[in-house]
């Protein structure tokens, strides 16, 4: 059952307008056409083809082994299930070591994967790549806080931005990404107080995952919120299948919970 009030195609300017209006943005991951269709019908504004597919679809221990061709393939599948939602596709590990390579790989995701926007992890080191990609007319979403592609360097999946210096650096990175032309930023696993400050300090939408309720929107790995991921579900996720009769109802419940600011609750927050 469709929950959304309009069938108008979501664009990056519409996401920006939602931030201005104080309307929450609901986002989930998808890796195939069937899931994408369910998300689209439930009113999810932003569908992310995450390199999380390395873990939840391919069974890898991290996102690092995922290739640009695999991302393009899954992105193309997802695009076929969408009518309204904005399609954002992750640029995988080592697909943006320099501006030219970054642009070439972003072009693959747009031309072969039908992405509407590409997502890159990191702050200062990737600013030139972001500028170069945006300069070619490709919208970019940033990703700050916990960076799954850098998990080997970070020493595991742990909360980022807990001390003042780290927190300040994350806010500066967000401002720099906005200046470089990013259209939105995902922030992962940071304290809710920092996420609130960060959201207020930039004009572009901030989409949180494990970042509290004050972000402009929320994103989860769909397999986590449907409780079909093998292993332990992250603290910041919620099992929406518990009270739902089917996947469509679970996704609709998630969208409503995000819109009504009921999710994330305190127990999902750092």
Protein backbone atom coordinates (compact mmCIF):
# COMPACT_ATOMS: atom_id res chain seq x y z
CA UNK A 1 0.00 0.00 0.00
CA UNK A 2 1.38 3.37 -0.99
CA UNK A 3 1.92 5.80 1.89
CA UNK A 4 3.26 8.78 0.00
CA UNK A 5 1.22 11.83 -0.90
CA UNK A 6 2.80 12.48 -4.28
CA UNK A 7 4.22 10.39 -7.08
CA UNK A 8 6.63 13.17 -8.07
CA UNK A 9 10.18 11.92 -8.69
CA UNK A 10 12.45 12.75 -5.76
CA UNK A 11 15.50 14.84 -6.72
CA UNK A 12 18.40 16.20 -4.71
CA UNK A 13 16.68 19.62 -4.71
CA UNK A 14 13.56 17.99 -3.22
CA UNK A 15 15.67 16.45 -0.42
CA UNK A 16 17.03 19.93 0.25
CA UNK A 17 13.49 21.35 0.31
CA UNK A 18 12.47 18.64 2.80
CA UNK A 19 15.28 19.75 5.13
CA UNK A 20 14.07 23.36 4.85
CA UNK A 21 10.49 22.28 5.64
CA UNK A 22 11.65 20.14 8.56
CA UNK A 23 10.22 17.03 6.91
CA UNK A 24 12.15 13.84 7.70
CA UNK A 25 13.76 11.88 4.86
CA UNK A 26 13.32 8.08 4.98
CA UNK A 27 16.04 5.99 3.38
CA UNK A 28 16.81 2.25 3.18
CA UNK A 29 19.20 0.04 1.24
CA UNK A 30 18.15 -2.19 -1.67
CA UNK A 31 20.13 -4.57 -3.83
CA UNK A 32 17.52 -5.85 -6.32
CA UNK A 33 14.39 -4.79 -8.21
CA UNK A 34 11.83 -6.55 -5.98
CA UNK A 35 13.06 -4.93 -2.76
CA UNK A 36 13.40 -1.59 -4.54
CA UNK A 37 9.76 -1.73 -5.64
CA UNK A 38 8.57 -2.42 -2.07
CA UNK A 39 10.65 0.51 -0.72
CA UNK A 40 9.41 2.83 -3.47
CA UNK A 41 5.76 1.95 -2.83
CA UNK A 42 6.15 2.49 0.91
CA UNK A 43 7.30 6.08 0.38
CA UNK A 44 11.06 5.78 0.95
CA UNK A 45 12.56 8.95 -0.55
CA UNK A 46 16.14 7.78 -0.95
CA UNK A 47 17.13 4.21 -1.86
CA UNK A 48 20.78 3.43 -1.25
CA UNK A 49 22.56 0.66 -3.12
CA UNK A 50 25.10 0.20 -0.36
CA UNK A 51 28.42 -1.57 -0.65
CA UNK A 52 26.97 -3.26 2.45
CA UNK A 53 25.89 -5.77 -0.20
CA UNK A 54 29.39 -7.21 0.26
CA UNK A 55 28.33 -8.36 3.72
CA UNK A 56 24.58 -8.96 3.53
CA UNK A 57 24.34 -10.31 -0.05
CA UNK A 58 27.79 -11.75 -0.76
CA UNK A 59 28.61 -12.92 2.78
CA UNK A 60 31.98 -11.13 2.96
CA UNK A 61 33.38 -10.01 6.33
CA UNK A 62 33.56 -6.34 5.23
CA UNK A 63 32.64 -4.02 2.34
CA UNK A 64 36.25 -3.88 1.08
CA UNK A 65 36.09 -6.67 -1.60
CA UNK A 66 33.12 -5.11 -3.48
CA UNK A 67 33.97 -3.93 -7.02
CA UNK A 68 32.67 -1.06 -9.14
CA UNK A 69 31.16 -3.56 -11.63
CA UNK A 70 29.25 -5.30 -8.83
CA UNK A 71 27.93 -1.92 -7.64
CA UNK A 72 26.84 -0.99 -11.18
CA UNK A 73 25.09 -4.36 -11.61
CA UNK A 74 23.08 -4.10 -8.38
CA UNK A 75 22.34 -0.43 -9.00
CA UNK A 76 20.89 -1.26 -12.42
CA UNK A 77 18.67 -3.96 -10.84
CA UNK A 78 17.44 -1.52 -8.19
CA UNK A 79 16.75 1.22 -10.76
CA UNK A 80 14.22 -1.08 -12.44
CA UNK A 81 12.16 -1.27 -9.26
CA UNK A 82 11.97 2.49 -8.65
CA UNK A 83 9.53 5.09 -9.92
CA UNK A 84 9.74 7.84 -7.33
CA UNK A 85 12.71 7.38 -4.98
CA UNK A 86 16.15 8.91 -5.54
CA UNK A 87 18.73 6.21 -6.31
CA UNK A 88 22.06 6.70 -4.52
CA UNK A 89 24.85 4.21 -5.24
CA UNK A 90 28.00 3.67 -3.18
CA UNK A 91 31.40 4.08 -4.78
CA UNK A 92 33.23 1.05 -3.37
CA UNK A 93 36.65 0.73 -1.74
CA UNK A 94 39.53 2.19 -3.82
CA UNK A 95 37.24 3.38 -6.63
CA UNK A 96 38.16 7.03 -5.94
CA UNK A 97 41.92 7.19 -5.20
CA UNK A 98 42.26 10.34 -7.35
CA UNK A 99 39.84 12.79 -9.05
CA UNK A 100 40.10 11.32 -12.56
CA UNK A 101 39.58 7.70 -11.48
CA UNK A 102 36.76 8.86 -9.22
CA UNK A 103 35.03 10.60 -12.10
CA UNK A 104 35.44 7.60 -14.42
CA UNK A 105 33.95 5.25 -11.83
CA UNK A 106 31.14 7.67 -10.95
CA UNK A 107 30.32 7.78 -14.67
CA UNK A 108 30.06 3.96 -14.73
CA UNK A 109 27.53 4.07 -11.85
CA UNK A 110 25.48 6.75 -13.64
CA UNK A 111 25.61 5.25 -17.15
CA UNK A 112 25.51 1.52 -16.39
CA UNK A 113 23.94 1.58 -12.91
CA UNK A 114 21.39 4.36 -13.62
CA UNK A 115 22.28 6.03 -10.30
CA UNK A 116 20.92 9.51 -9.56
CA UNK A 117 23.74 10.24 -7.10
CA UNK A 118 26.97 8.56 -5.97
CA UNK A 119 28.20 8.25 -2.37
CA UNK A 120 31.82 8.57 -1.23
CA UNK A 121 33.26 7.99 2.26
CA UNK A 122 35.51 10.49 4.01
CA UNK A 123 36.27 14.18 4.48
CA UNK A 124 39.37 16.21 3.63
CA UNK A 125 41.19 13.51 1.59
CA UNK A 126 38.33 13.17 -0.93
CA UNK A 127 37.34 16.83 -1.40
CA UNK A 128 39.08 17.13 -4.78
CA UNK A 129 37.32 13.97 -5.98
CA UNK A 130 33.95 15.37 -4.88
CA UNK A 131 34.61 18.69 -6.64
CA UNK A 132 35.69 16.92 -9.82
CA UNK A 133 32.66 14.60 -9.90
CA UNK A 134 30.21 17.43 -9.14
CA UNK A 135 31.95 19.53 -11.81
CA UNK A 136 30.91 16.92 -14.37
CA UNK A 137 27.26 17.21 -13.35
CA UNK A 138 27.13 14.12 -11.12
CA UNK A 139 25.44 14.66 -7.72
CA UNK A 140 27.42 13.44 -4.70
CA UNK A 141 26.43 12.23 -1.24
CA UNK A 142 29.16 12.28 1.42
CA UNK A 143 29.63 9.83 4.31
CA UNK A 144 31.20 10.80 7.66
CA UNK A 145 31.65 9.25 11.10
CA UNK A 146 32.16 5.49 10.97
CA UNK A 147 33.54 4.71 7.51
CA UNK A 148 33.02 0.98 6.75
CA UNK A 149 35.62 1.05 3.95
CA UNK A 150 38.23 2.26 6.47
CA UNK A 151 37.26 -0.24 9.15
CA UNK A 152 40.73 -1.84 9.09
CA UNK A 153 42.28 1.56 9.83
CA UNK A 154 39.66 2.47 12.47
CA UNK A 155 40.24 -0.80 14.33
CA UNK A 156 36.69 -2.09 14.06
CA UNK A 157 33.09 -0.85 13.99
CA UNK A 158 33.00 1.70 16.82
CA UNK A 159 31.42 5.06 17.59
CA UNK A 160 33.29 8.04 16.11
CA UNK A 161 33.46 11.69 17.21
CA UNK A 162 33.35 11.05 20.96
CA UNK A 163 36.18 13.44 21.84
CA UNK A 164 36.16 17.18 21.10
CA UNK A 165 38.91 17.09 18.46
CA UNK A 166 37.22 14.28 16.52
CA UNK A 167 33.83 15.98 16.79
CA UNK A 168 35.23 19.29 15.54
CA UNK A 169 36.95 17.52 12.62
CA UNK A 170 33.69 15.80 11.58
CA UNK A 171 31.80 19.13 11.57
CA UNK A 172 34.60 20.77 9.55
CA UNK A 173 34.51 17.87 7.09
CA UNK A 174 30.74 18.31 6.68
CA UNK A 175 31.17 22.02 5.91
CA UNK A 176 34.00 21.24 3.47
CA UNK A 177 31.91 18.58 1.68
CA UNK A 178 29.06 21.08 1.31
CA UNK A 179 31.50 23.63 -0.08
CA UNK A 180 32.89 21.02 -2.51
CA UNK A 181 29.36 20.59 -3.87
CA UNK A 182 27.96 17.55 -2.05
CA UNK A 183 24.13 17.38 -2.10
CA UNK A 184 23.73 15.35 1.13
CA UNK A 185 25.80 13.54 3.77
CA UNK A 186 25.25 10.24 5.58
CA UNK A 187 26.63 10.27 9.14
CA UNK A 188 27.19 6.91 10.81
CA UNK A 189 27.71 5.94 14.45
CA UNK A 190 28.31 9.33 16.02
CA UNK A 191 26.89 10.71 19.31
CA UNK A 192 23.42 12.22 18.85
CA UNK A 193 24.58 15.54 20.37
CA UNK A 194 27.25 15.84 17.67
CA UNK A 195 24.79 14.85 14.93
CA UNK A 196 22.38 17.57 16.09
CA UNK A 197 25.12 20.22 15.96
CA UNK A 198 26.35 18.98 12.58
CA UNK A 199 22.84 18.98 11.07
CA UNK A 200 22.38 22.60 12.12
CA UNK A 201 25.79 23.66 10.80
CA UNK A 202 25.20 22.81 7.11
CA UNK A 203 22.43 23.57 4.59
CA UNK A 204 22.45 20.15 2.91
CA UNK A 205 20.46 17.19 4.31
CA UNK A 206 22.15 15.00 6.92
CA UNK A 207 20.99 11.37 6.88
CA UNK A 208 21.80 9.50 10.08
CA UNK A 209 22.51 5.86 10.80
CA UNK A 210 23.18 5.40 14.49
CA UNK A 211 23.32 9.19 14.85
CA UNK A 212 20.19 10.05 16.85
CA UNK A 213 16.89 11.68 16.01
CA UNK A 214 17.97 15.21 15.10
CA UNK A 215 19.30 14.41 11.63
CA UNK A 216 17.25 15.43 8.58
CA UNK A 217 16.59 11.79 7.78
CA UNK A 218 17.43 8.19 8.64
CA UNK A 219 18.90 5.26 6.73
CA UNK A 220 19.20 1.60 7.70
CA UNK A 221 20.39 -1.54 5.96
CA UNK A 222 17.05 -3.08 4.95
CA UNK A 223 18.23 -6.58 5.90
CA UNK A 224 18.91 -5.33 9.46
CA UNK A 225 15.47 -3.74 9.96
CA UNK A 226 13.80 -6.87 8.52
CA UNK A 227 15.92 -9.07 10.82
CA UNK A 228 17.34 -11.21 8.00
CA UNK A 229 21.01 -10.32 8.47
CA UNK A 230 23.11 -13.21 9.77
CA UNK A 231 24.79 -12.45 13.10
CA UNK A 232 24.16 -9.64 15.55
CA UNK A 233 21.97 -6.70 14.56
CA UNK A 234 23.59 -3.29 15.22
CA UNK A 235 22.42 -1.40 18.33
CA UNK A 236 21.18 1.49 16.16
CA UNK A 237 18.87 -0.74 14.10
CA UNK A 238 15.37 -1.92 14.99
CA UNK A 239 13.55 -5.08 13.93
CA UNK A 240 10.45 -3.71 12.18
CA UNK A 241 9.29 -7.23 11.25
CA UNK A 242 8.31 -7.95 14.86
CA UNK A 243 4.99 -6.11 14.60
CA UNK A 244 4.46 -6.44 10.85
CA UNK A 245 2.66 -9.14 8.89
CA UNK A 246 4.89 -8.79 5.82
CA UNK A 247 7.86 -6.89 4.41
CA UNK A 248 5.74 -4.10 2.88
CA UNK A 249 4.10 -3.38 6.24
CA UNK A 250 7.48 -3.42 8.00
CA UNK A 251 8.93 -0.91 5.53
CA UNK A 252 5.82 1.31 5.80
CA UNK A 253 6.11 1.18 9.60
CA UNK A 254 9.76 2.25 9.33
CA UNK A 255 8.87 5.17 7.03
CA UNK A 256 6.12 6.33 9.41
CA UNK A 257 8.40 5.96 12.46
CA UNK A 258 11.05 8.13 10.78
CA UNK A 259 8.48 10.74 9.68
CA UNK A 260 6.87 10.88 13.13
CA UNK A 261 10.30 11.07 14.84
CA UNK A 262 9.59 7.83 16.72
CA UNK A 263 12.70 6.20 15.23
CA UNK A 264 15.46 6.21 16.26
CA UNK A 265 14.49 6.05 19.95
CA UNK A 266 16.94 6.46 22.83
CA UNK A 267 17.90 2.79 22.80
CA UNK A 268 19.13 3.14 19.19
CA UNK A 269 21.28 6.17 20.01
CA UNK A 270 24.84 6.76 21.19
